[in-house]
Amino acid sequence: QVQLVESGGGLVQAGGSLRLSCAASGRTFSRYTLAWFRQAPGKEREFVAVMWWNSGSTGYPADSVKGRFTISRDNDKNTLYLQMNSLKPEDTAVYYCAAGLSVPIGSRAAGYDYWGQGTQVTVSS
């Protein structure tokens, strides 16, 4: 069992930065593939970033956040991060972290076993 708690969201002006954190419980944190998703009002949940547990390699959507967002993890602190730079109003959403032991496709929400409660990010123009 893994519990995930996000923090670090808030209100920021366009062009600004935020760093989200996701604190995880559980002794096997390092064995989980971790990801960030987001959901804006009236829209489906959208993939933001993934970090694979075994290789540490990362993946991002083709256009929406690549080059602006960076996913990282600290296994000693059981914490996942999302550094968000050059924020845009269209980045406004609730951001969720997710963890999965066996994730076939990193961008698909259905592959993750555990989810946090989400943290709100609002970017003003």
N, C-alpha and C. Protein backbone atom coordinates (compact mmCIF):
# COMPACT_ATOMS: atom_id res chain seq x y z
N GLN A 1 0.84 -1.19 0.00
CA GLN A 1 0.00 0.00 0.00
C GLN A 1 0.88 1.25 0.00
N VAL A 2 0.54 2.19 -0.84
CA VAL A 2 1.26 3.45 -0.95
C VAL A 2 0.27 4.59 -0.82
N GLN A 3 0.61 5.55 -0.01
CA GLN A 3 -0.18 6.78 0.09
C GLN A 3 0.63 7.94 -0.47
N LEU A 4 -0.03 8.76 -1.27
CA LEU A 4 0.63 9.87 -1.94
C LEU A 4 -0.03 11.17 -1.54
N VAL A 5 0.78 12.17 -1.18
CA VAL A 5 0.27 13.48 -0.78
C VAL A 5 1.02 14.56 -1.54
N GLU A 6 0.28 15.27 -2.40
CA GLU A 6 0.88 16.36 -3.18
C GLU A 6 0.87 17.66 -2.39
N SER A 7 1.81 18.53 -2.73
CA SER A 7 1.87 19.87 -2.17
C SER A 7 2.62 20.77 -3.15
N GLY A 8 2.54 22.08 -2.89
CA GLY A 8 3.31 23.02 -3.69
C GLY A 8 2.52 23.78 -4.72
N GLY A 9 1.24 23.45 -4.86
CA GLY A 9 0.42 24.18 -5.81
C GLY A 9 0.13 25.59 -5.31
N GLY A 10 -0.47 26.40 -6.18
CA GLY A 10 -0.82 27.75 -5.81
C GLY A 10 -1.13 28.61 -7.00
N LEU A 11 -1.16 29.91 -6.76
CA LEU A 11 -1.44 30.89 -7.81
C LEU A 11 -0.13 31.54 -8.24
N VAL A 12 0.11 31.58 -9.54
CA VAL A 12 1.35 32.17 -10.06
C VAL A 12 1.02 32.90 -11.36
N GLN A 13 1.78 33.94 -11.65
CA GLN A 13 1.59 34.67 -12.90
C GLN A 13 2.22 33.91 -14.06
N ALA A 14 1.69 34.15 -15.24
CA ALA A 14 2.26 33.55 -16.44
C ALA A 14 3.75 33.88 -16.54
N GLY A 15 4.54 32.87 -16.88
CA GLY A 15 5.99 33.02 -16.95
C GLY A 15 6.70 32.62 -15.68
N GLY A 16 5.94 32.42 -14.61
CA GLY A 16 6.52 32.07 -13.34
C GLY A 16 6.80 30.57 -13.22
N SER A 17 7.23 30.18 -12.02
CA SER A 17 7.61 28.80 -11.76
C SER A 17 6.97 28.30 -10.47
N LEU A 18 6.79 27.00 -10.41
CA LEU A 18 6.35 26.31 -9.21
C LEU A 18 7.04 24.96 -9.16
N ARG A 19 7.24 24.45 -7.95
CA ARG A 19 7.72 23.08 -7.80
C ARG A 19 6.72 22.31 -6.96
N LEU A 20 6.17 21.29 -7.55
CA LEU A 20 5.24 20.41 -6.85
C LEU A 20 6.02 19.27 -6.21
N SER A 21 5.53 18.84 -5.06
CA SER A 21 6.10 17.69 -4.38
C SER A 21 5.02 16.65 -4.16
N CYS A 22 5.44 15.41 -4.11
CA CYS A 22 4.53 14.30 -3.82
C CYS A 22 5.23 13.38 -2.84
N ALA A 23 4.80 13.43 -1.59
CA ALA A 23 5.39 12.61 -0.55
C ALA A 23 4.68 11.26 -0.51
N ALA A 24 5.48 10.20 -0.49
CA ALA A 24 4.92 8.85 -0.53
C ALA A 24 5.26 8.08 0.73
N SER A 25 4.32 7.29 1.18
CA SER A 25 4.57 6.35 2.27
C SER A 25 4.96 5.01 1.65
N GLY A 26 5.48 4.11 2.45
CA GLY A 26 5.80 2.79 1.92
C GLY A 26 7.29 2.56 1.78
N ARG A 27 7.72 1.34 2.06
CA ARG A 27 9.14 1.03 2.07
C ARG A 27 9.69 0.69 0.70
N THR A 28 8.84 0.49 -0.29
CA THR A 28 9.30 0.08 -1.61
C THR A 28 9.12 1.18 -2.63
N PHE A 29 9.22 2.40 -2.20
CA PHE A 29 9.01 3.56 -3.08
C PHE A 29 9.86 3.47 -4.32
N SER A 30 11.10 3.03 -4.19
CA SER A 30 12.02 3.03 -5.32
C SER A 30 11.61 2.05 -6.42
N ARG A 31 10.73 1.11 -6.13
CA ARG A 31 10.31 0.12 -7.11
C ARG A 31 9.11 0.57 -7.95
N TYR A 32 8.59 1.76 -7.68
CA TYR A 32 7.41 2.24 -8.37
C TYR A 32 7.78 3.19 -9.51
N THR A 33 7.12 2.99 -10.62
CA THR A 33 7.13 4.01 -11.66
C THR A 33 6.20 5.13 -11.21
N LEU A 34 6.66 6.35 -11.35
CA LEU A 34 5.93 7.51 -10.84
C LEU A 34 5.59 8.48 -11.97
N ALA A 35 4.50 9.16 -11.81
CA ALA A 35 4.07 10.07 -12.87
C ALA A 35 3.27 11.23 -12.31
N TRP A 36 3.14 12.25 -13.12
CA TRP A 36 2.26 13.38 -12.86
C TRP A 36 1.21 13.44 -13.97
N PHE A 37 -0.01 13.69 -13.57
CA PHE A 37 -1.11 13.96 -14.48
C PHE A 37 -1.76 15.25 -14.02
N ARG A 38 -2.58 15.82 -14.89
CA ARG A 38 -3.34 17.01 -14.51
C ARG A 38 -4.73 16.94 -15.12
N GLN A 39 -5.64 17.67 -14.49
CA GLN A 39 -7.00 17.71 -14.99
C GLN A 39 -7.56 19.11 -14.82
N ALA A 40 -7.92 19.71 -15.93
CA ALA A 40 -8.54 21.02 -15.92
C ALA A 40 -10.06 20.85 -15.90
N PRO A 41 -10.80 21.85 -15.43
CA PRO A 41 -12.26 21.74 -15.37
C PRO A 41 -12.86 21.41 -16.72
N GLY A 42 -13.71 20.40 -16.74
CA GLY A 42 -14.39 20.02 -17.97
C GLY A 42 -13.54 19.23 -18.95
N LYS A 43 -12.32 18.89 -18.56
CA LYS A 43 -11.43 18.16 -19.46
C LYS A 43 -11.03 16.82 -18.84
N GLU A 44 -10.54 15.94 -19.71
CA GLU A 44 -10.07 14.64 -19.23
C GLU A 44 -8.70 14.78 -18.55
N ARG A 45 -8.39 13.79 -17.74
CA ARG A 45 -7.08 13.79 -17.09
C ARG A 45 -5.99 13.64 -18.16
N GLU A 46 -4.95 14.45 -18.02
CA GLU A 46 -3.91 14.55 -19.05
C GLU A 46 -2.56 14.16 -18.47
N PHE A 47 -1.81 13.38 -19.22
CA PHE A 47 -0.47 12.97 -18.83
C PHE A 47 0.48 14.15 -18.88
N VAL A 48 1.33 14.26 -17.86
CA VAL A 48 2.30 15.36 -17.78
C VAL A 48 3.73 14.87 -17.83
N ALA A 49 4.05 13.84 -17.04
CA ALA A 49 5.43 13.35 -17.01
C ALA A 49 5.48 12.01 -16.31
N VAL A 50 6.48 11.20 -16.66
CA VAL A 50 6.68 9.90 -16.03
C VAL A 50 8.17 9.68 -15.78
N MET A 51 8.46 8.95 -14.70
CA MET A 51 9.82 8.51 -14.43
C MET A 51 9.77 7.02 -14.11
N TRP A 52 10.47 6.22 -14.90
CA TRP A 52 10.47 4.77 -14.74
C TRP A 52 11.36 4.36 -13.59
N TRP A 53 10.88 3.38 -12.81
CA TRP A 53 11.58 3.04 -11.57
C TRP A 53 12.93 2.41 -11.83
N ASN A 54 13.06 1.59 -12.88
CA ASN A 54 14.28 0.81 -13.04
C ASN A 54 15.39 1.59 -13.75
N SER A 55 15.05 2.33 -14.78
CA SER A 55 16.07 3.05 -15.54
C SER A 55 16.24 4.50 -15.11
N GLY A 56 15.21 5.04 -14.48
CA GLY A 56 15.24 6.45 -14.15
C GLY A 56 14.97 7.34 -15.35
N SER A 57 14.67 6.73 -16.48
CA SER A 57 14.39 7.54 -17.67
C SER A 57 13.05 8.23 -17.51
N THR A 58 12.89 9.32 -18.25
CA THR A 58 11.70 10.13 -18.12
C THR A 58 10.99 10.27 -19.46
N GLY A 59 9.73 10.64 -19.39
CA GLY A 59 8.95 10.86 -20.59
C GLY A 59 7.97 11.98 -20.38
N TYR A 60 7.73 12.72 -21.44
CA TYR A 60 6.81 13.86 -21.40
C TYR A 60 5.94 13.84 -22.64
N PRO A 61 4.79 14.53 -22.61
CA PRO A 61 4.00 14.66 -23.83
C PRO A 61 4.80 15.42 -24.89
N ALA A 62 4.40 15.23 -26.12
CA ALA A 62 5.20 15.75 -27.22
C ALA A 62 5.38 17.26 -27.18
N ASP A 63 4.32 17.99 -26.91
CA ASP A 63 4.40 19.44 -27.07
C ASP A 63 4.04 20.25 -25.84
N SER A 64 3.06 19.80 -25.06
CA SER A 64 2.44 20.69 -24.09
C SER A 64 3.37 21.15 -22.97
N VAL A 65 4.23 20.26 -22.46
CA VAL A 65 5.06 20.64 -21.32
C VAL A 65 6.55 20.39 -21.53
N LYS A 66 6.89 19.67 -22.59
CA LYS A 66 8.29 19.31 -22.80
C LYS A 66 9.16 20.55 -22.93
N GLY A 67 10.26 20.55 -22.21
CA GLY A 67 11.15 21.71 -22.21
C GLY A 67 10.84 22.71 -21.12
N ARG A 68 9.68 22.61 -20.53
CA ARG A 68 9.29 23.53 -19.45
C ARG A 68 9.18 22.82 -18.11
N PHE A 69 8.73 21.57 -18.12
CA PHE A 69 8.53 20.81 -16.89
C PHE A 69 9.62 19.74 -16.76
N THR A 70 10.01 19.46 -15.52
CA THR A 70 11.00 18.43 -15.25
C THR A 70 10.55 17.58 -14.08
N ILE A 71 10.50 16.27 -14.29
CA ILE A 71 10.15 15.34 -13.22
C ILE A 71 11.43 14.80 -12.60
N SER A 72 11.41 14.63 -11.29
CA SER A 72 12.56 14.06 -10.59
C SER A 72 12.05 13.35 -9.34
N ARG A 73 12.92 12.55 -8.75
CA ARG A 73 12.53 11.83 -7.54
C ARG A 73 13.73 11.72 -6.60
N ASP A 74 13.43 11.66 -5.33
CA ASP A 74 14.45 11.43 -4.30
C ASP A 74 14.00 10.19 -3.54
N ASN A 75 14.61 9.06 -3.84
CA ASN A 75 14.18 7.81 -3.20
C ASN A 75 14.50 7.79 -1.71
N ASP A 76 15.52 8.52 -1.30
CA ASP A 76 15.84 8.56 0.14
C ASP A 76 14.76 9.29 0.92
N LYS A 77 14.13 10.27 0.27
CA LYS A 77 13.09 11.05 0.93
C LYS A 77 11.69 10.58 0.53
N ASN A 78 11.61 9.53 -0.29
CA ASN A 78 10.31 9.04 -0.76
C ASN A 78 9.47 10.17 -1.36
N THR A 79 10.09 10.98 -2.18
CA THR A 79 9.40 12.15 -2.71
C THR A 79 9.61 12.28 -4.22
N LEU A 80 8.53 12.60 -4.89
CA LEU A 80 8.53 12.89 -6.32
C LEU A 80 8.34 14.39 -6.50
N TYR A 81 8.99 14.95 -7.50
CA TYR A 81 8.90 16.39 -7.74
C TYR A 81 8.48 16.67 -9.19
N LEU A 82 7.91 17.84 -9.38
CA LEU A 82 7.66 18.35 -10.73
C LEU A 82 8.03 19.82 -10.73
N GLN A 83 9.13 20.15 -11.36
CA GLN A 83 9.54 21.54 -11.53
C GLN A 83 8.87 22.09 -12.77
N MET A 84 8.11 23.16 -12.60
CA MET A 84 7.36 23.75 -13.70
C MET A 84 7.85 25.17 -13.93
N ASN A 85 8.39 25.42 -15.09
CA ASN A 85 8.90 26.74 -15.46
C ASN A 85 8.10 27.31 -16.63
N SER A 86 8.23 28.59 -16.83
CA SER A 86 7.55 29.27 -17.95
C SER A 86 6.07 28.88 -18.00
N LEU A 87 5.43 28.98 -16.88
CA LEU A 87 4.03 28.56 -16.80
C LEU A 87 3.12 29.43 -17.66
N LYS A 88 2.10 28.77 -18.19
CA LYS A 88 1.13 29.42 -19.05
C LYS A 88 -0.27 29.26 -18.45
N PRO A 89 -1.19 30.15 -18.78
CA PRO A 89 -2.56 29.99 -18.26
C PRO A 89 -3.16 28.62 -18.58
N GLU A 90 -2.80 28.03 -19.69
CA GLU A 90 -3.34 26.72 -20.04
C GLU A 90 -2.77 25.59 -19.19
N ASP A 91 -1.79 25.89 -18.35
CA ASP A 91 -1.30 24.90 -17.39
C ASP A 91 -2.18 24.82 -16.14
N THR A 92 -3.15 25.70 -16.03
CA THR A 92 -4.04 25.69 -14.89
C THR A 92 -4.81 24.38 -14.82
N ALA A 93 -4.71 23.71 -13.67
CA ALA A 93 -5.35 22.40 -13.49
C ALA A 93 -5.08 21.91 -12.08
N VAL A 94 -5.74 20.83 -11.72
CA VAL A 94 -5.37 20.08 -10.53
C VAL A 94 -4.33 19.05 -10.96
N TYR A 95 -3.22 19.04 -10.26
CA TYR A 95 -2.12 18.15 -10.59
C TYR A 95 -2.09 16.96 -9.62
N TYR A 96 -1.98 15.77 -10.19
CA TYR A 96 -2.00 14.54 -9.41
C TYR A 96 -0.70 13.77 -9.61
N CYS A 97 -0.19 13.18 -8.55
CA CYS A 97 0.89 12.23 -8.72
C CYS A 97 0.32 10.82 -8.66
N ALA A 98 1.00 9.90 -9.32
CA ALA A 98 0.53 8.52 -9.41
C ALA A 98 1.72 7.58 -9.32
N ALA A 99 1.45 6.38 -8.80
CA ALA A 99 2.50 5.37 -8.64
C ALA A 99 1.97 4.02 -9.10
N GLY A 100 2.84 3.27 -9.77
CA GLY A 100 2.45 1.95 -10.24
C GLY A 100 3.62 0.99 -10.22
N LEU A 101 3.36 -0.26 -9.88
CA LEU A 101 4.41 -1.28 -9.86
C LEU A 101 4.66 -1.85 -11.24
N SER A 102 3.64 -1.97 -12.03
CA SER A 102 3.78 -2.52 -13.37
C SER A 102 2.98 -1.63 -14.32
N VAL A 103 3.68 -0.71 -14.94
CA VAL A 103 3.02 0.28 -15.79
C VAL A 103 3.40 0.02 -17.24
N PRO A 104 2.50 -0.52 -18.02
CA PRO A 104 2.86 -0.84 -19.41
C PRO A 104 3.08 0.37 -20.30
N ILE A 105 2.27 1.39 -20.11
CA ILE A 105 2.39 2.61 -20.90
C ILE A 105 2.34 3.79 -19.95
N GLY A 106 3.43 4.53 -19.87
CA GLY A 106 3.56 5.57 -18.87
C GLY A 106 2.54 6.68 -18.95
N SER A 107 2.02 6.93 -20.14
CA SER A 107 1.10 8.04 -20.34
C SER A 107 -0.36 7.67 -20.08
N ARG A 108 -0.63 6.42 -19.77
CA ARG A 108 -2.00 5.98 -19.56
C ARG A 108 -2.31 5.89 -18.07
N ALA A 109 -3.31 6.63 -17.64
CA ALA A 109 -3.66 6.70 -16.22
C ALA A 109 -4.08 5.34 -15.67
N ALA A 110 -4.67 4.52 -16.52
CA ALA A 110 -5.20 3.24 -16.05
C ALA A 110 -4.12 2.30 -15.53
N GLY A 111 -2.86 2.55 -15.87
CA GLY A 111 -1.79 1.66 -15.47
C GLY A 111 -1.26 1.89 -14.07
N TYR A 112 -1.73 2.92 -13.39
CA TYR A 112 -1.21 3.29 -12.08
C TYR A 112 -2.12 2.78 -10.96
N ASP A 113 -1.48 2.34 -9.89
CA ASP A 113 -2.21 1.72 -8.79
C ASP A 113 -2.66 2.72 -7.72
N TYR A 114 -1.88 3.76 -7.53
CA TYR A 114 -2.14 4.70 -6.42
C TYR A 114 -2.11 6.14 -6.93
N TRP A 115 -2.97 6.96 -6.33
CA TRP A 115 -3.10 8.37 -6.70
C TRP A 115 -3.15 9.24 -5.46
N GLY A 116 -2.61 10.44 -5.60
CA GLY A 116 -2.77 11.43 -4.56
C GLY A 116 -4.08 12.16 -4.71
N GLN A 117 -4.33 13.09 -3.79
CA GLN A 117 -5.60 13.82 -3.79
C GLN A 117 -5.57 15.03 -4.71
N GLY A 118 -4.40 15.40 -5.17
CA GLY A 118 -4.27 16.51 -6.11
C GLY A 118 -3.93 17.83 -5.44
N THR A 119 -3.28 18.70 -6.20
CA THR A 119 -2.97 20.05 -5.74
C THR A 119 -3.29 21.02 -6.88
N GLN A 120 -3.93 22.13 -6.54
CA GLN A 120 -4.40 23.08 -7.54
C GLN A 120 -3.27 24.00 -7.97
N VAL A 121 -3.10 24.14 -9.27
CA VAL A 121 -2.18 25.11 -9.86
C VAL A 121 -3.00 26.06 -10.72
N THR A 122 -2.88 27.34 -10.43
CA THR A 122 -3.59 28.36 -11.19
C THR A 122 -2.59 29.36 -11.73
N VAL A 123 -2.60 29.55 -13.04
CA VAL A 123 -1.68 30.47 -13.69
C VAL A 123 -2.48 31.63 -14.26
N SER A 124 -2.22 32.82 -13.79
CA SER A 124 -2.95 34.00 -14.25
C SER A 124 -2.21 34.66 -15.41
N SER A 125 -2.99 35.26 -16.30
CA SER A 125 -2.40 35.90 -17.48
C SER A 125 -2.04 37.35 -17.21
